[in-house]
Amino acid sequence: MRAGIAHGSWFEAASGKKDLFTGDALLCAHHLGETQQLISIAICDITRERFLKNPPFLLHGSPVVLDYPIPVKGGGYEKRGALNWPAFCQREHPNLQSLTAQTLADHFSEFGRYETLGENERAIHENTVAFIQSLNMVSPR
C-alpha cells in the first residue's frame, strides 16, 4: 500500500449516484502516494510541520509521524513526513526488524513471488525494509 495524506482545499460535486471529488489536497495526496517507492503513507509538508510542532506519540513512546528521506520514482529522495506504521504493527508483528525484502514480497505472493517481480517492484520492497530497519523500534508495553 502506498498512500498520501494532504491538507488543503477540495471540492465535492454530488449528483446522487456518483460523486466527484477534486482539489489541491486530493491531488497532493495522490502525488505523494504515487511517487514514493516504498510501502508507506507519506504526509504533505503542511501536515508534517503541524505534527512536528506538537508531535503525538504512541503509548510505547514511538512518534506517530517521522521525517524520512523517501525514495521517489525517477530516482533520488525527498524528505517527507511518513506515518510510522511499523510502530502501530509491532505488537502483532514483533519481528519486523528482521524482515527481508523477499519475505515481505512473498507475504503478498498473490502479486508474484519476489523472484518474479520486476526491478521497480523489488525496489519498493527493499526500500520498505530499509525504512523499517532504520527505525529505533521501542518495545511495546
Protein backbone atom coordinates (compact mmCIF):
# COMPACT_ATOMS: atom_id res chain seq x y z
CA MET A 1 0.00 0.00 0.00
CA ARG A 2 1.18 3.46 -0.86
CA ALA A 3 -0.85 6.46 0.16
CA GLY A 4 -0.62 10.16 0.85
CA ILE A 5 -2.19 12.47 3.41
CA ALA A 6 -2.55 16.12 2.49
CA HIS A 7 -4.09 19.23 3.99
CA GLY A 8 -5.87 21.80 1.87
CA SER A 9 -8.93 22.66 -0.09
CA TRP A 10 -11.05 20.21 -2.02
CA PHE A 11 -14.36 20.23 -3.80
CA GLU A 12 -17.19 17.71 -3.90
CA ALA A 13 -19.86 17.64 -6.58
CA ALA A 14 -22.70 15.33 -5.59
CA SER A 15 -25.04 14.11 -8.29
CA GLY A 16 -26.89 11.39 -6.44
CA LYS A 17 -25.35 8.12 -7.61
CA LYS A 18 -21.88 9.40 -8.43
CA ASP A 19 -19.87 12.00 -6.58
CA LEU A 20 -16.86 13.86 -7.90
CA PHE A 21 -14.03 14.95 -5.63
CA THR A 22 -11.19 17.21 -6.70
CA GLY A 23 -8.90 19.89 -5.35
CA ASP A 24 -5.36 20.66 -4.27
CA ALA A 25 -5.41 18.39 -1.22
CA LEU A 26 -6.57 15.35 -3.18
CA LEU A 27 -4.09 15.97 -5.99
CA CYS A 28 -1.26 16.40 -3.48
CA ALA A 29 -2.22 13.22 -1.59
CA HIS A 30 -2.37 11.28 -4.85
CA HIS A 31 1.03 12.63 -5.91
CA LEU A 32 2.61 11.75 -2.56
CA GLY A 33 1.27 8.21 -2.66
CA GLU A 34 2.07 7.51 -6.28
CA THR A 35 5.60 8.91 -6.39
CA GLN A 36 7.02 7.14 -3.34
CA GLN A 37 8.98 3.96 -3.87
CA LEU A 38 8.16 2.13 -0.66
CA ILE A 39 5.13 0.80 1.17
CA SER A 40 4.22 3.77 3.31
CA ILE A 41 1.87 6.66 3.92
CA ALA A 42 3.56 9.95 3.06
CA ILE A 43 2.39 13.20 4.60
CA CYS A 44 2.38 16.63 2.94
CA ASP A 45 4.69 19.36 4.24
CA ILE A 46 1.92 21.40 5.89
CA THR A 47 0.60 18.43 7.86
CA ARG A 48 4.13 17.21 8.65
CA GLU A 49 5.11 20.60 10.10
CA ARG A 50 1.97 20.69 12.24
CA PHE A 51 2.68 17.20 13.58
CA LEU A 52 6.32 18.01 14.28
CA LYS A 53 5.48 21.22 16.20
CA ASN A 54 3.47 19.25 18.73
CA PRO A 55 4.33 15.63 17.98
CA PRO A 56 1.96 12.91 19.15
CA PHE A 57 3.49 9.69 20.42
CA LEU A 58 2.15 6.18 20.75
CA LEU A 59 1.77 4.73 24.25
CA HIS A 60 5.13 2.97 24.00
CA GLY A 61 6.92 6.19 23.05
CA SER A 62 7.25 5.93 19.28
CA PRO A 63 6.37 9.03 17.26
CA VAL A 64 3.29 8.85 15.02
CA VAL A 65 4.95 10.86 12.23
CA LEU A 66 8.59 10.66 11.17
CA ASP A 67 10.79 12.76 8.93
CA TYR A 68 12.21 10.33 6.40
CA PRO A 69 14.11 10.60 3.09
CA ILE A 70 11.54 8.81 0.93
CA PRO A 71 12.80 7.24 -2.28
CA VAL A 72 10.79 8.55 -5.23
CA LYS A 73 10.11 7.43 -8.78
CA GLY A 74 12.75 8.61 -11.19
CA GLY A 75 15.48 8.24 -8.57
CA GLY A 76 16.56 10.26 -5.63
CA TYR A 77 14.94 11.01 -2.31
CA GLU A 78 12.59 13.63 -0.91
CA LYS A 79 12.46 14.46 2.78
CA ARG A 80 8.83 13.91 3.67
CA GLY A 81 6.73 13.11 6.65
CA ALA A 82 5.84 9.43 6.90
CA LEU A 83 3.33 7.68 9.09
CA ASN A 84 5.23 5.43 11.49
CA TRP A 85 3.11 2.42 10.55
CA PRO A 86 5.65 -0.18 11.76
CA ALA A 87 5.21 1.14 15.31
CA PHE A 88 1.45 0.58 15.00
CA CYS A 89 2.10 -3.02 13.89
CA GLN A 90 4.89 -4.09 16.21
CA ARG A 91 2.68 -5.61 18.93
CA GLU A 92 1.12 -8.05 16.43
CA HIS A 93 4.31 -8.39 14.38
CA PRO A 94 7.25 -8.06 16.81
CA ASN A 95 9.82 -9.37 14.29
CA LEU A 96 9.52 -6.56 11.74
CA GLN A 97 13.17 -5.56 12.27
CA SER A 98 14.33 -8.92 10.90
CA LEU A 99 12.11 -8.74 7.81
CA THR A 100 13.74 -9.12 4.40
CA ALA A 101 12.53 -7.80 1.05
CA GLN A 102 11.95 -11.37 -0.11
CA THR A 103 9.88 -12.26 2.97
CA LEU A 104 7.83 -9.08 2.60
CA ALA A 105 7.15 -9.69 -1.10
CA ASP A 106 6.34 -13.34 -0.52
CA HIS A 107 3.78 -12.30 2.10
CA PHE A 108 1.90 -10.65 -0.76
CA SER A 109 2.51 -13.58 -3.12
CA GLU A 110 -0.80 -13.07 -4.95
CA PHE A 111 1.09 -10.26 -6.74
CA GLY A 112 4.01 -12.57 -7.52
CA ARG A 113 6.92 -14.02 -5.60
CA TYR A 114 9.99 -11.86 -5.06
CA GLU A 115 11.95 -13.70 -7.76
CA THR A 116 9.29 -12.91 -10.37
CA LEU A 117 8.89 -9.22 -9.55
CA GLY A 118 10.25 -6.53 -11.82
CA GLU A 119 13.09 -4.23 -10.80
CA ASN A 120 10.71 -1.45 -9.72
CA GLU A 121 8.60 -3.73 -7.51
CA ARG A 122 11.71 -5.26 -5.91
CA ALA A 123 13.00 -1.75 -5.14
CA ILE A 124 9.72 -0.90 -3.39
CA HIS A 125 10.11 -3.93 -1.11
CA GLU A 126 13.81 -3.26 -0.49
CA ASN A 127 13.11 0.40 0.34
CA THR A 128 10.31 -0.64 2.70
CA VAL A 129 12.63 -2.98 4.59
CA ALA A 130 15.25 -0.21 4.78
CA PHE A 131 12.58 2.11 6.23
CA ILE A 132 11.60 -0.45 8.89
CA GLN A 133 15.21 -1.22 9.77
CA SER A 134 16.04 2.49 10.10
CA LEU A 135 13.56 2.85 12.93
CA ASN A 136 14.63 2.55 16.51
CA MET A 137 11.67 0.41 17.47
CA VAL A 138 10.56 0.83 21.08
CA SER A 139 9.34 -2.35 22.73
CA PRO A 140 5.58 -2.25 23.23
CA ARG A 141 4.35 -2.36 26.81
